Amino acid sequence: TEAVDASKLVDLGSSAKSRNEYWGFTPDSFPLNARVWFPDAPGPFPLVLIAHGNHDMKDFSDPGYEYLGRHLASRGFILASLDMNFINGGIRGENDGRGWLFLRHLEAWREFQRDPNNPFFRRVDMDQIGIMGHSRGGEAVGHAAAFNRLTRYPDDATLTWDFGFSIQAVIAIAPVDGQYRPTSRLVPLEDINYLVFHGTHDGDVSSYSGLRTYHRIRFSGQAPRFKAAVYVHRANHGQWNTVWGPHDRGPRSGRSLDLRGLLRGDEQRRFALVYVTAFLEATLKGRDEYLPLFRDHRVAG
């Protein structure tokens, strides 16, 4: 893939020199890298992108969703776990950049689908797209959905684009909210299927921030859409990603957390498997038999 210029969306601040030396590139040359799991069949298959949130930039976060990738590929989806490690670490105000990067990845996938020499030629259903994000990535999916309908960057109209992808499903996992505010407003969202879930024992994002996004979403009635929010008892922030683990904010953060009340990591991730799968089956494949799960969790049995 070709590099993309994110210099108007990401400011590395005082750490720019050391970060650019470490990575070997600057924000005007960000790479589009991802780990991909896909069915061993001709397709076409719905495409789902997932992006991690903020973490130690040297401790790569994108492998941490392999459990979702393998499972969704077995169900007839393509999952790409996006590498955004180069905008992790001690920088702020980059969440609009994370959202924009989702859409640049989708541009790359559109070309894969069209290229007869690409392994994904005609294997991607670009009419059925889902995007997922965890932590800062969980806020960024909302920005991606909003930017997808615009033609210019709200903070600098000289940056233009023409995305218009068929994003049908948006999933936010323990998201933050409001780190990017165009014209000092929270990003508005309309006519998207939206799922958000958050753990009661989240030691990083200590309030259910994703509910604010949930309440902002409006439906015009032009097409059937739904939104769902789930509060997961004893789930923490990091165990949704196998790299992050149970020590929210990291073992050297100076915070003392009692881990005895947490769900086991495999139990927490099983919740994610059940709800993510059900949501994507309902929104990208039209399988309405999964909808009752979002009204009452007890039907999962």
Protein backbone atom coordinates (compact mmCIF):
# COMPACT_ATOMS: atom_id res chain seq x y z
CA THR A 1 0.00 0.00 0.00
CA GLU A 2 1.03 3.58 -0.55
CA ALA A 3 1.72 5.88 2.39
CA VAL A 4 -0.81 8.60 3.24
CA ASP A 5 -0.37 12.20 4.38
CA ALA A 6 -1.92 12.71 7.84
CA SER A 7 0.08 15.83 8.70
CA LYS A 8 -3.05 18.04 8.93
CA LEU A 9 -4.74 15.62 11.32
CA VAL A 10 -1.93 14.43 13.61
CA ASP A 11 0.45 16.70 15.55
CA LEU A 12 3.32 14.91 17.30
CA GLY A 13 4.14 17.97 19.38
CA SER A 14 7.42 18.11 21.28
CA SER A 15 8.04 14.39 20.76
CA ALA A 16 8.12 14.68 16.96
CA LYS A 17 11.89 14.34 16.54
CA SER A 18 12.30 11.23 18.71
CA ARG A 19 9.19 9.58 17.30
CA ASN A 20 10.15 10.22 13.69
CA GLU A 21 13.63 8.83 14.33
CA TYR A 22 12.18 5.72 15.98
CA TRP A 23 9.64 4.95 13.25
CA GLY A 24 11.64 6.17 10.29
CA PHE A 25 8.74 8.19 8.84
CA THR A 26 6.80 11.36 9.58
CA PRO A 27 3.02 12.03 9.62
CA ASP A 28 3.08 12.96 5.94
CA SER A 29 4.08 9.36 5.15
CA PHE A 30 1.99 7.12 7.43
CA PRO A 31 1.80 3.48 6.28
CA LEU A 32 -1.40 1.50 5.77
CA ASN A 33 -0.65 -1.84 7.41
CA ALA A 34 -3.02 -4.46 8.79
CA ARG A 35 -3.26 -8.09 9.81
CA VAL A 36 -6.03 -9.87 7.90
CA TRP A 37 -8.09 -12.99 8.57
CA PHE A 38 -10.38 -14.18 5.77
CA PRO A 39 -12.40 -17.25 4.72
CA ASP A 40 -10.79 -19.86 2.50
CA ALA A 41 -13.46 -19.46 -0.17
CA PRO A 42 -14.19 -17.29 -3.23
CA GLY A 43 -16.59 -14.82 -1.60
CA PRO A 44 -17.50 -12.00 -1.80
CA PHE A 45 -17.53 -11.46 1.97
CA PRO A 46 -18.47 -8.51 4.19
CA LEU A 47 -15.44 -6.46 5.24
CA VAL A 48 -14.84 -5.48 8.87
CA LEU A 49 -12.00 -3.24 10.08
CA ILE A 50 -10.92 -3.01 13.73
CA ALA A 51 -8.47 -0.57 15.30
CA HIS A 52 -6.85 -0.53 18.72
CA GLY A 53 -6.62 2.47 21.00
CA ASN A 54 -3.72 4.15 22.76
CA HIS A 55 -0.99 1.97 24.27
CA ASP A 56 2.81 1.84 24.42
CA MET A 57 3.71 2.43 20.78
CA LYS A 58 6.53 -0.12 20.97
CA ASP A 59 4.17 -2.83 22.25
CA PHE A 60 2.15 -3.53 19.09
CA SER A 61 -1.60 -3.68 19.73
CA ASP A 62 -2.93 -4.92 16.39
CA PRO A 63 -2.23 -8.65 17.03
CA GLY A 64 -4.52 -8.51 20.09
CA TYR A 65 -7.72 -9.10 18.09
CA GLU A 66 -6.67 -12.37 16.50
CA TYR A 67 -9.39 -14.16 18.47
CA LEU A 68 -11.99 -12.01 16.68
CA GLY A 69 -10.26 -12.40 13.33
CA ARG A 70 -10.17 -16.18 13.39
CA HIS A 71 -13.74 -16.46 14.62
CA LEU A 72 -15.22 -13.97 12.15
CA ALA A 73 -13.35 -15.51 9.23
CA SER A 74 -14.92 -18.86 10.16
CA ARG A 75 -18.32 -17.12 9.94
CA GLY A 76 -17.77 -15.70 6.47
CA PHE A 77 -16.34 -12.23 7.22
CA ILE A 78 -13.01 -10.60 6.36
CA LEU A 79 -11.44 -8.92 9.40
CA ALA A 80 -8.53 -6.50 9.12
CA SER A 81 -6.84 -5.38 12.36
CA LEU A 82 -5.32 -2.00 11.55
CA ASP A 83 -1.82 -0.98 12.62
CA MET A 84 -1.99 2.48 14.18
CA ASN A 85 0.83 1.91 16.66
CA PHE A 86 2.75 4.86 15.23
CA ILE A 87 0.16 7.31 16.63
CA ASN A 88 0.16 5.67 20.06
CA GLY A 89 2.07 6.83 23.11
CA GLY A 90 2.22 10.23 24.71
CA ILE A 91 0.48 12.36 22.10
CA ARG A 92 -3.00 13.91 22.17
CA GLY A 93 -5.53 15.27 19.73
CA GLU A 94 -4.97 12.56 17.13
CA ASN A 95 -8.35 10.81 17.24
CA ASP A 96 -9.63 12.55 14.13
CA GLY A 97 -6.55 11.10 12.44
CA ARG A 98 -7.46 7.62 13.63
CA GLY A 99 -10.93 7.99 12.14
CA TRP A 100 -9.54 9.27 8.84
CA LEU A 101 -7.11 6.34 8.66
CA PHE A 102 -10.07 3.91 8.74
CA LEU A 103 -11.33 5.50 5.53
CA ARG A 104 -7.92 5.47 3.85
CA HIS A 105 -7.73 1.75 4.61
CA LEU A 106 -11.14 1.33 2.96
CA GLU A 107 -9.79 3.09 -0.13
CA ALA A 108 -7.00 0.50 -0.26
CA TRP A 109 -9.53 -2.33 0.07
CA ARG A 110 -11.58 -0.89 -2.79
CA GLU A 111 -8.49 -1.15 -4.99
CA PHE A 112 -7.74 -4.69 -3.78
CA GLN A 113 -11.24 -5.71 -4.81
CA ARG A 114 -10.78 -4.25 -8.31
CA ASP A 115 -7.25 -5.48 -9.04
CA PRO A 116 -7.14 -8.85 -10.91
CA ASN A 117 -3.61 -9.44 -9.58
CA ASN A 118 -4.60 -8.95 -5.92
CA PRO A 119 -5.45 -11.96 -3.69
CA PHE A 120 -8.70 -10.19 -2.71
CA PHE A 121 -9.91 -9.60 -6.27
CA ARG A 122 -13.74 -9.89 -6.21
CA ARG A 123 -13.63 -11.41 -2.71
CA VAL A 124 -14.74 -8.26 -0.84
CA ASP A 125 -18.34 -7.09 -0.57
CA MET A 126 -17.84 -3.33 -0.47
CA ASP A 127 -21.58 -2.84 0.03
CA GLN A 128 -21.41 -4.48 3.46
CA ILE A 129 -18.76 -2.80 5.62
CA GLY A 130 -18.36 -2.73 9.39
CA ILE A 131 -15.87 -0.76 11.49
CA MET A 132 -14.87 -1.51 15.09
CA GLY A 133 -12.64 0.29 17.53
CA HIS A 134 -11.37 -0.18 21.08
CA SER A 135 -10.68 2.69 23.51
CA ARG A 136 -9.53 5.68 21.42
CA GLY A 137 -10.29 3.51 18.41
CA GLY A 138 -13.83 3.25 19.77
CA GLU A 139 -14.22 7.02 19.50
CA ALA A 140 -12.49 7.06 16.12
CA VAL A 141 -15.10 4.81 14.49
CA GLY A 142 -17.66 7.56 15.08
CA HIS A 143 -15.37 10.09 13.42
CA ALA A 144 -14.87 7.71 10.50
CA ALA A 145 -18.64 7.35 10.06
CA ALA A 146 -19.05 11.15 10.16
CA PHE A 147 -16.11 11.92 7.84
CA ASN A 148 -17.42 9.29 5.42
CA ARG A 149 -20.33 11.62 4.58
CA LEU A 150 -18.31 14.82 4.29
CA THR A 151 -16.20 16.18 1.44
CA ARG A 152 -13.83 18.31 3.55
CA TYR A 153 -12.01 18.09 6.86
CA PRO A 154 -14.02 20.20 9.35
CA ASP A 155 -10.90 21.85 10.82
CA ASP A 156 -9.20 22.67 7.52
CA ALA A 157 -11.35 22.89 4.40
CA THR A 158 -8.30 22.71 2.13
CA LEU A 159 -8.14 18.99 2.96
CA THR A 160 -10.75 17.40 0.70
CA TRP A 161 -11.87 13.83 0.15
CA ASP A 162 -14.57 11.73 -1.48
CA PHE A 163 -15.15 8.59 0.60
CA GLY A 164 -18.85 7.62 0.61
CA PHE A 165 -18.32 4.00 1.64
CA SER A 166 -21.23 1.73 2.49
CA ILE A 167 -20.55 1.54 6.24
CA GLN A 168 -23.46 -0.41 7.72
CA ALA A 169 -22.17 -1.32 11.19
CA VAL A 170 -20.18 0.57 13.83
CA ILE A 171 -18.95 -1.09 17.04
CA ALA A 172 -17.27 0.75 19.92
CA ILE A 173 -15.48 -1.27 22.61
CA ALA A 174 -14.88 0.66 25.87
CA PRO A 175 -14.56 3.92 23.93
CA VAL A 176 -13.55 7.38 25.02
CA ASP A 177 -15.61 10.30 23.75
CA GLY A 178 -14.98 13.93 22.95
CA GLN A 179 -11.22 13.85 22.46
CA TYR A 180 -11.88 15.32 19.00
CA ARG A 181 -14.51 18.06 18.75
CA PRO A 182 -14.98 19.73 15.36
CA THR A 183 -16.05 23.36 15.85
CA SER A 184 -16.04 22.59 19.61
CA ARG A 185 -18.97 20.18 19.26
CA LEU A 186 -19.29 16.48 19.89
CA VAL A 187 -19.41 14.63 16.58
CA PRO A 188 -23.02 14.05 15.43
CA LEU A 189 -24.01 10.69 13.97
CA GLU A 190 -27.05 9.66 11.97
CA ASP A 191 -28.49 6.52 10.38
CA ILE A 192 -25.85 3.98 11.40
CA ASN A 193 -26.24 0.67 13.21
CA TYR A 194 -24.29 1.12 16.44
CA LEU A 195 -23.17 -1.24 19.21
CA VAL A 196 -21.23 -0.12 22.26
CA PHE A 197 -20.15 -2.13 25.30
CA HIS A 198 -18.15 -1.20 28.38
CA GLY A 199 -16.93 -2.96 31.52
CA THR A 200 -17.98 -2.08 35.05
CA HIS A 201 -14.37 -2.61 36.23
CA ASP A 202 -12.69 -0.53 33.52
CA GLY A 203 -9.58 0.90 35.18
CA ASP A 204 -8.74 3.30 32.34
CA VAL A 205 -11.97 4.78 30.94
CA SER A 206 -13.70 4.96 34.30
CA SER A 207 -17.12 6.15 33.06
CA TYR A 208 -19.33 4.71 30.33
CA SER A 209 -18.30 7.35 27.78
CA GLY A 210 -19.77 5.47 24.84
CA LEU A 211 -23.28 6.14 26.10
CA ARG A 212 -22.88 9.76 25.03
CA THR A 213 -22.32 8.65 21.45
CA TYR A 214 -25.21 6.20 21.79
CA HIS A 215 -27.57 8.99 22.83
CA ARG A 216 -26.36 11.34 20.05
CA ILE A 217 -27.21 8.93 17.24
CA ARG A 218 -30.38 9.88 15.40
CA PHE A 219 -32.43 7.90 12.89
CA SER A 220 -34.23 9.52 9.95
CA GLY A 221 -36.44 6.51 9.32
CA GLN A 222 -35.26 6.14 5.73
CA ALA A 223 -33.95 2.64 6.42
CA PRO A 224 -34.23 0.20 9.34
CA ARG A 225 -31.40 0.81 11.81
CA PHE A 226 -30.82 0.08 15.48
CA LYS A 227 -28.44 0.90 18.30
CA ALA A 228 -27.56 -1.10 21.40
CA ALA A 229 -25.52 -0.50 24.54
CA VAL A 230 -24.36 -3.19 26.99
CA TYR A 231 -22.70 -2.79 30.39
CA VAL A 232 -20.54 -5.85 31.15
CA HIS A 233 -20.20 -6.75 34.82
CA ARG A 234 -16.59 -7.32 35.98
CA ALA A 235 -15.04 -6.60 32.57
CA ASN A 236 -12.02 -4.30 32.49
CA HIS A 237 -10.49 -2.11 29.78
CA GLY A 238 -7.56 -4.13 28.53
CA GLN A 239 -8.75 -7.72 28.29
CA TRP A 240 -10.67 -7.04 25.07
CA ASN A 241 -7.16 -7.07 23.54
CA THR A 242 -4.89 -10.03 24.34
CA VAL A 243 -1.77 -7.81 24.20
CA TRP A 244 -3.08 -5.33 26.77
CA GLY A 245 -4.14 -7.80 29.47
CA PRO A 246 -5.68 -7.11 32.90
CA HIS A 247 -3.43 -4.27 34.11
CA ASP A 248 -5.37 -1.24 32.87
CA ARG A 249 -3.10 1.76 32.21
CA GLY A 250 -0.11 -0.60 32.32
CA PRO A 251 1.81 -2.22 35.19
CA ARG A 252 4.11 0.84 35.53
CA SER A 253 1.33 3.43 35.60
CA GLY A 254 1.55 3.95 39.36
CA ARG A 255 -2.03 2.83 39.88
CA SER A 256 -2.90 -0.03 42.20
CA LEU A 257 -5.73 -2.19 40.88
CA ASP A 258 -7.35 -5.15 42.61
CA LEU A 259 -7.67 -7.74 39.84
CA ARG A 260 -9.50 -10.36 41.88
CA GLY A 261 -12.94 -9.06 40.88
CA LEU A 262 -12.32 -9.25 37.14
CA LEU A 263 -13.72 -11.72 34.70
CA ARG A 264 -11.05 -14.03 33.33
CA GLY A 265 -9.69 -12.75 30.05
CA ASP A 266 -11.14 -15.64 28.06
CA GLU A 267 -14.58 -15.06 29.61
CA GLN A 268 -14.49 -11.37 28.76
CA ARG A 269 -13.44 -12.07 25.19
CA ARG A 270 -16.17 -14.69 24.83
CA PHE A 271 -18.69 -11.93 25.54
CA ALA A 272 -17.08 -9.91 22.71
CA LEU A 273 -17.26 -12.88 20.36
CA VAL A 274 -20.97 -13.46 21.03
CA TYR A 275 -22.09 -9.83 20.78
CA VAL A 276 -19.82 -8.78 17.91
CA THR A 277 -20.79 -11.83 15.88
CA ALA A 278 -24.50 -11.33 16.53
CA PHE A 279 -24.33 -7.64 15.63
CA LEU A 280 -22.43 -8.24 12.39
CA GLU A 281 -24.69 -11.14 11.39
CA ALA A 282 -27.72 -8.91 11.91
CA THR A 283 -26.39 -5.76 10.24
CA LEU A 284 -24.17 -7.09 7.44
CA LYS A 285 -26.02 -10.31 6.61
CA GLY A 286 -29.60 -9.40 7.51
CA ARG A 287 -30.06 -12.21 10.04
CA ASP A 288 -32.87 -10.80 12.17
CA GLU A 289 -32.93 -13.82 14.48
CA TYR A 290 -30.03 -12.21 16.36
CA LEU A 291 -31.91 -9.00 17.19
CA PRO A 292 -33.55 -10.28 20.44
CA LEU A 293 -30.07 -10.58 21.99
CA PHE A 294 -29.84 -6.78 21.98
CA ARG A 295 -33.11 -6.40 23.86
CA ASP A 296 -32.44 -9.02 26.52
CA HIS A 297 -29.06 -10.67 27.12
CA ARG A 298 -30.73 -13.77 28.57
CA VAL A 299 -31.73 -15.03 25.13
CA ALA A 300 -28.04 -15.79 24.48
CA GLY A 301 -28.65 -19.12 26.19
